Amino acid sequence: MSLSAIKVGEQRYRASYGRYLEDFVVGDIYEHRPGRTITDADNIQFSLMTMNAHPMHCDAQYAAKSEFGRLLVNSGLTLAIVLGMTVNDVSGKSPPISAGPRSS
């Protein structure tokens, strides 16, 4: 996470998250901490919440008979967690997205 402190007054600092577009360099690798362990409960809940009831994600007995021998983590859950881990660092300084013109 790119966290820095900006002095805003005498003995007063404000945390600053994220990067600007100009801060990114092709080929850089960003590591985000802390890591996250995905449990079977996380996987089953996410799968059912997103209407993906495939037994490889939510039926341990079915999955045990597969070539993998256990439940498979829903790839949507993996993507959601990785995306969430990057927010403070990668998009912390991005401007808000306008929902269109405001009416008076």
N, C-alpha and C. Protein backbone atom coordinates (compact mmCIF):
# COMPACT_ATOMS: atom_id res chain seq x y z
N MET A 1 0.84 -1.16 0.00
CA MET A 1 0.00 0.00 0.00
C MET A 1 0.89 1.23 0.00
N SER A 2 0.54 2.16 -0.81
CA SER A 2 1.30 3.40 -0.87
C SER A 2 0.69 4.39 0.11
N LEU A 3 1.22 4.41 1.31
CA LEU A 3 0.71 5.29 2.35
C LEU A 3 1.81 6.25 2.72
N SER A 4 1.48 7.51 2.65
CA SER A 4 2.44 8.52 3.07
C SER A 4 1.72 9.53 3.94
N ALA A 5 2.48 10.35 4.61
CA ALA A 5 1.89 11.37 5.48
C ALA A 5 2.21 12.75 4.92
N ILE A 6 1.20 13.58 4.84
CA ILE A 6 1.36 14.94 4.36
C ILE A 6 1.18 15.88 5.54
N LYS A 7 2.13 16.79 5.74
CA LYS A 7 2.05 17.74 6.85
C LYS A 7 0.98 18.78 6.51
N VAL A 8 0.00 18.92 7.40
CA VAL A 8 -1.09 19.87 7.17
C VAL A 8 -1.12 20.97 8.22
N GLY A 9 -0.20 20.92 9.16
CA GLY A 9 -0.13 21.93 10.20
C GLY A 9 0.99 21.61 11.17
N GLU A 10 1.13 22.43 12.18
CA GLU A 10 2.16 22.20 13.19
C GLU A 10 1.88 20.90 13.92
N GLN A 11 2.79 19.95 13.82
CA GLN A 11 2.67 18.62 14.43
C GLN A 11 1.36 17.94 14.03
N ARG A 12 0.93 18.18 12.79
CA ARG A 12 -0.33 17.58 12.31
C ARG A 12 -0.09 17.03 10.90
N TYR A 13 -0.47 15.75 10.71
CA TYR A 13 -0.24 15.06 9.44
C TYR A 13 -1.51 14.36 9.01
N ARG A 14 -1.69 14.21 7.72
CA ARG A 14 -2.85 13.51 7.17
C ARG A 14 -2.34 12.37 6.30
N ALA A 15 -2.94 11.19 6.47
CA ALA A 15 -2.56 10.03 5.66
C ALA A 15 -2.98 10.27 4.21
N SER A 16 -2.14 9.84 3.31
CA SER A 16 -2.43 9.97 1.89
C SER A 16 -2.29 8.60 1.25
N TYR A 17 -3.36 8.13 0.66
CA TYR A 17 -3.37 6.81 0.04
C TYR A 17 -3.28 6.93 -1.48
N GLY A 18 -2.82 5.86 -2.09
CA GLY A 18 -2.92 5.71 -3.54
C GLY A 18 -1.81 6.35 -4.34
N ARG A 19 -1.98 6.26 -5.64
CA ARG A 19 -1.01 6.79 -6.59
C ARG A 19 -1.78 7.54 -7.68
N TYR A 20 -1.07 8.42 -8.34
CA TYR A 20 -1.60 9.07 -9.53
C TYR A 20 -1.17 8.26 -10.75
N LEU A 21 -1.83 8.43 -11.86
CA LEU A 21 -1.51 7.68 -13.07
C LEU A 21 -0.03 7.80 -13.42
N GLU A 22 0.53 8.97 -13.22
CA GLU A 22 1.93 9.20 -13.57
C GLU A 22 2.90 8.41 -12.68
N ASP A 23 2.42 7.90 -11.55
CA ASP A 23 3.27 7.14 -10.63
C ASP A 23 3.49 5.70 -11.08
N PHE A 24 2.69 5.21 -12.03
CA PHE A 24 2.79 3.82 -12.46
C PHE A 24 3.80 3.69 -13.59
N VAL A 25 4.60 2.61 -13.52
CA VAL A 25 5.61 2.34 -14.53
C VAL A 25 5.38 0.92 -15.03
N VAL A 26 5.36 0.76 -16.36
CA VAL A 26 5.18 -0.57 -16.95
C VAL A 26 6.26 -1.50 -16.43
N GLY A 27 5.86 -2.67 -15.98
CA GLY A 27 6.80 -3.66 -15.48
C GLY A 27 6.94 -3.67 -13.96
N ASP A 28 6.46 -2.63 -13.29
CA ASP A 28 6.51 -2.61 -11.82
C ASP A 28 5.61 -3.71 -11.26
N ILE A 29 5.98 -4.23 -10.12
CA ILE A 29 5.19 -5.24 -9.42
C ILE A 29 4.76 -4.65 -8.09
N TYR A 30 3.48 -4.71 -7.79
CA TYR A 30 2.95 -4.17 -6.54
C TYR A 30 2.50 -5.31 -5.65
N GLU A 31 3.04 -5.36 -4.45
CA GLU A 31 2.65 -6.37 -3.47
C GLU A 31 1.73 -5.71 -2.46
N HIS A 32 0.62 -6.37 -2.19
CA HIS A 32 -0.37 -5.81 -1.27
C HIS A 32 -0.47 -6.68 -0.03
N ARG A 33 -0.38 -6.06 1.10
CA ARG A 33 -0.45 -6.74 2.39
C ARG A 33 -1.56 -6.13 3.21
N PRO A 34 -2.15 -6.81 4.13
CA PRO A 34 -1.88 -8.20 4.49
C PRO A 34 -2.54 -9.15 3.49
N GLY A 35 -2.09 -10.38 3.50
CA GLY A 35 -2.70 -11.40 2.66
C GLY A 35 -4.05 -11.81 3.22
N ARG A 36 -4.70 -12.73 2.57
CA ARG A 36 -6.04 -13.15 3.00
C ARG A 36 -6.19 -14.63 2.75
N THR A 37 -6.62 -15.37 3.75
CA THR A 37 -6.92 -16.79 3.60
C THR A 37 -8.39 -16.93 3.23
N ILE A 38 -8.65 -17.70 2.19
CA ILE A 38 -10.04 -17.94 1.78
C ILE A 38 -10.47 -19.27 2.38
N THR A 39 -11.53 -19.24 3.19
CA THR A 39 -12.03 -20.44 3.83
C THR A 39 -13.11 -21.09 2.96
N ASP A 40 -13.43 -22.34 3.27
CA ASP A 40 -14.54 -23.00 2.57
C ASP A 40 -15.83 -22.22 2.77
N ALA A 41 -16.03 -21.69 3.97
CA ALA A 41 -17.25 -20.92 4.24
C ALA A 41 -17.31 -19.67 3.35
N ASP A 42 -16.18 -18.96 3.19
CA ASP A 42 -16.12 -17.80 2.30
C ASP A 42 -16.54 -18.21 0.89
N ASN A 43 -15.95 -19.31 0.43
CA ASN A 43 -16.18 -19.79 -0.93
C ASN A 43 -17.63 -20.18 -1.15
N ILE A 44 -18.18 -20.96 -0.22
CA ILE A 44 -19.57 -21.41 -0.36
C ILE A 44 -20.53 -20.23 -0.31
N GLN A 45 -20.32 -19.33 0.65
CA GLN A 45 -21.21 -18.18 0.78
C GLN A 45 -21.16 -17.30 -0.47
N PHE A 46 -19.97 -17.00 -0.97
CA PHE A 46 -19.85 -16.17 -2.18
C PHE A 46 -20.50 -16.87 -3.36
N SER A 47 -20.25 -18.16 -3.52
CA SER A 47 -20.81 -18.90 -4.65
C SER A 47 -22.33 -18.88 -4.62
N LEU A 48 -22.92 -19.14 -3.47
CA LEU A 48 -24.38 -19.15 -3.39
C LEU A 48 -24.96 -17.74 -3.49
N MET A 49 -24.27 -16.75 -2.93
CA MET A 49 -24.75 -15.37 -2.99
C MET A 49 -24.77 -14.88 -4.45
N THR A 50 -23.84 -15.36 -5.26
CA THR A 50 -23.78 -14.94 -6.66
C THR A 50 -24.49 -15.92 -7.59
N MET A 51 -25.29 -16.80 -6.99
CA MET A 51 -26.12 -17.75 -7.73
C MET A 51 -25.31 -18.79 -8.52
N ASN A 52 -24.10 -19.06 -8.08
CA ASN A 52 -23.27 -20.08 -8.72
C ASN A 52 -23.30 -21.31 -7.81
N ALA A 53 -24.28 -22.15 -8.03
CA ALA A 53 -24.47 -23.32 -7.16
C ALA A 53 -23.78 -24.57 -7.71
N HIS A 54 -22.75 -24.40 -8.53
CA HIS A 54 -22.04 -25.57 -9.06
C HIS A 54 -21.47 -26.35 -7.89
N PRO A 55 -21.67 -27.66 -7.88
CA PRO A 55 -21.22 -28.47 -6.74
C PRO A 55 -19.70 -28.46 -6.50
N MET A 56 -18.91 -28.10 -7.50
CA MET A 56 -17.46 -28.01 -7.27
C MET A 56 -17.10 -26.87 -6.32
N HIS A 57 -18.03 -25.92 -6.14
CA HIS A 57 -17.79 -24.79 -5.24
C HIS A 57 -18.48 -24.95 -3.89
N CYS A 58 -19.55 -25.76 -3.83
CA CYS A 58 -20.32 -25.78 -2.58
C CYS A 58 -20.73 -27.16 -2.07
N ASP A 59 -20.28 -28.23 -2.68
CA ASP A 59 -20.62 -29.57 -2.20
C ASP A 59 -19.32 -30.35 -2.01
N ALA A 60 -18.86 -30.42 -0.76
CA ALA A 60 -17.56 -31.05 -0.46
C ALA A 60 -17.52 -32.52 -0.85
N GLN A 61 -18.62 -33.23 -0.68
CA GLN A 61 -18.62 -34.66 -1.04
C GLN A 61 -18.50 -34.84 -2.55
N TYR A 62 -19.22 -34.03 -3.30
CA TYR A 62 -19.13 -34.07 -4.77
C TYR A 62 -17.70 -33.73 -5.22
N ALA A 63 -17.17 -32.64 -4.67
CA ALA A 63 -15.83 -32.17 -5.06
C ALA A 63 -14.75 -33.18 -4.69
N ALA A 64 -14.95 -33.92 -3.59
CA ALA A 64 -13.95 -34.91 -3.16
C ALA A 64 -13.77 -36.01 -4.19
N LYS A 65 -14.78 -36.28 -5.01
CA LYS A 65 -14.71 -37.32 -6.03
C LYS A 65 -14.13 -36.81 -7.34
N SER A 66 -13.82 -35.54 -7.42
CA SER A 66 -13.29 -34.95 -8.66
C SER A 66 -11.78 -35.17 -8.74
N GLU A 67 -11.20 -34.77 -9.85
CA GLU A 67 -9.75 -34.90 -10.01
C GLU A 67 -8.98 -34.00 -9.03
N PHE A 68 -9.64 -32.98 -8.47
CA PHE A 68 -8.98 -32.06 -7.54
C PHE A 68 -9.09 -32.54 -6.09
N GLY A 69 -10.09 -33.36 -5.80
CA GLY A 69 -10.22 -33.95 -4.48
C GLY A 69 -10.78 -33.03 -3.40
N ARG A 70 -11.15 -31.82 -3.76
CA ARG A 70 -11.70 -30.88 -2.78
C ARG A 70 -12.43 -29.76 -3.50
N LEU A 71 -13.08 -28.89 -2.72
CA LEU A 71 -13.79 -27.75 -3.30
C LEU A 71 -12.82 -26.86 -4.07
N LEU A 72 -13.30 -26.29 -5.16
CA LEU A 72 -12.53 -25.30 -5.91
C LEU A 72 -13.01 -23.91 -5.50
N VAL A 73 -12.09 -23.00 -5.31
CA VAL A 73 -12.46 -21.63 -4.97
C VAL A 73 -13.06 -20.97 -6.21
N ASN A 74 -14.19 -20.36 -6.03
CA ASN A 74 -14.87 -19.63 -7.09
C ASN A 74 -13.93 -18.53 -7.60
N SER A 75 -13.66 -18.51 -8.89
CA SER A 75 -12.71 -17.53 -9.44
C SER A 75 -13.21 -16.10 -9.25
N GLY A 76 -14.52 -15.91 -9.21
CA GLY A 76 -15.07 -14.58 -8.95
C GLY A 76 -14.68 -14.08 -7.57
N LEU A 77 -14.64 -14.98 -6.59
CA LEU A 77 -14.23 -14.61 -5.23
C LEU A 77 -12.76 -14.22 -5.22
N THR A 78 -11.94 -14.99 -5.90
CA THR A 78 -10.51 -14.66 -5.97
C THR A 78 -10.32 -13.27 -6.57
N LEU A 79 -10.98 -13.00 -7.67
CA LEU A 79 -10.87 -11.70 -8.32
C LEU A 79 -11.35 -10.58 -7.41
N ALA A 80 -12.48 -10.80 -6.73
CA ALA A 80 -13.02 -9.76 -5.84
C ALA A 80 -12.06 -9.44 -4.70
N ILE A 81 -11.44 -10.46 -4.11
CA ILE A 81 -10.51 -10.23 -3.01
C ILE A 81 -9.25 -9.52 -3.50
N VAL A 82 -8.70 -9.96 -4.62
CA VAL A 82 -7.50 -9.31 -5.16
C VAL A 82 -7.80 -7.86 -5.51
N LEU A 83 -8.93 -7.61 -6.13
CA LEU A 83 -9.30 -6.24 -6.47
C LEU A 83 -9.45 -5.40 -5.20
N GLY A 84 -10.11 -5.95 -4.19
CA GLY A 84 -10.28 -5.22 -2.94
C GLY A 84 -8.97 -4.90 -2.25
N MET A 85 -8.00 -5.80 -2.35
CA MET A 85 -6.70 -5.58 -1.72
C MET A 85 -5.92 -4.45 -2.37
N THR A 86 -6.26 -4.10 -3.60
CA THR A 86 -5.51 -3.08 -4.32
C THR A 86 -6.10 -1.68 -4.21
N VAL A 87 -7.30 -1.54 -3.68
CA VAL A 87 -8.01 -0.26 -3.73
C VAL A 87 -7.23 0.89 -3.11
N ASN A 88 -6.76 0.75 -1.88
CA ASN A 88 -6.05 1.86 -1.23
C ASN A 88 -4.81 2.29 -1.99
N ASP A 89 -4.13 1.33 -2.59
CA ASP A 89 -2.87 1.63 -3.26
C ASP A 89 -3.09 2.08 -4.70
N VAL A 90 -3.81 1.30 -5.46
CA VAL A 90 -3.92 1.54 -6.90
C VAL A 90 -4.92 2.64 -7.25
N SER A 91 -6.02 2.72 -6.56
CA SER A 91 -7.03 3.71 -6.95
C SER A 91 -7.37 4.71 -5.85
N GLY A 92 -6.54 4.78 -4.83
CA GLY A 92 -6.81 5.68 -3.72
C GLY A 92 -6.86 7.15 -4.09
N LYS A 93 -6.18 7.55 -5.15
CA LYS A 93 -6.18 8.96 -5.56
C LYS A 93 -7.05 9.21 -6.79
N SER A 94 -7.76 8.20 -7.26
CA SER A 94 -8.57 8.41 -8.46
C SER A 94 -9.73 9.34 -8.14
N PRO A 95 -10.08 10.17 -9.11
CA PRO A 95 -11.20 11.08 -8.87
C PRO A 95 -12.51 10.31 -8.85
N PRO A 96 -13.52 10.83 -8.18
CA PRO A 96 -14.81 10.16 -8.18
C PRO A 96 -15.40 10.14 -9.59
N ILE A 97 -16.14 9.11 -9.88
CA ILE A 97 -16.78 8.99 -11.19
C ILE A 97 -18.10 9.74 -11.13
N SER A 98 -18.30 10.61 -12.07
CA SER A 98 -19.53 11.40 -12.12
C SER A 98 -20.69 10.52 -12.57
N ALA A 99 -21.81 10.68 -11.93
CA ALA A 99 -23.01 9.95 -12.33
C ALA A 99 -23.79 10.73 -13.38
N GLY A 100 -23.16 11.73 -13.93
CA GLY A 100 -23.84 12.56 -14.93
C GLY A 100 -24.05 13.96 -14.41
N PRO A 101 -24.64 14.80 -15.23
CA PRO A 101 -24.84 16.20 -14.80
C PRO A 101 -25.82 16.29 -13.64
N ARG A 102 -25.53 17.19 -12.74
CA ARG A 102 -26.43 17.42 -11.59
C ARG A 102 -27.53 18.37 -11.98
N SER A 103 -28.70 18.08 -11.50
CA SER A 103 -29.80 19.00 -11.75
C SER A 103 -29.93 19.95 -10.56
N SER A 104 -30.31 21.17 -10.83
CA SER A 104 -30.42 22.17 -9.76
C SER A 104 -31.81 22.19 -9.19
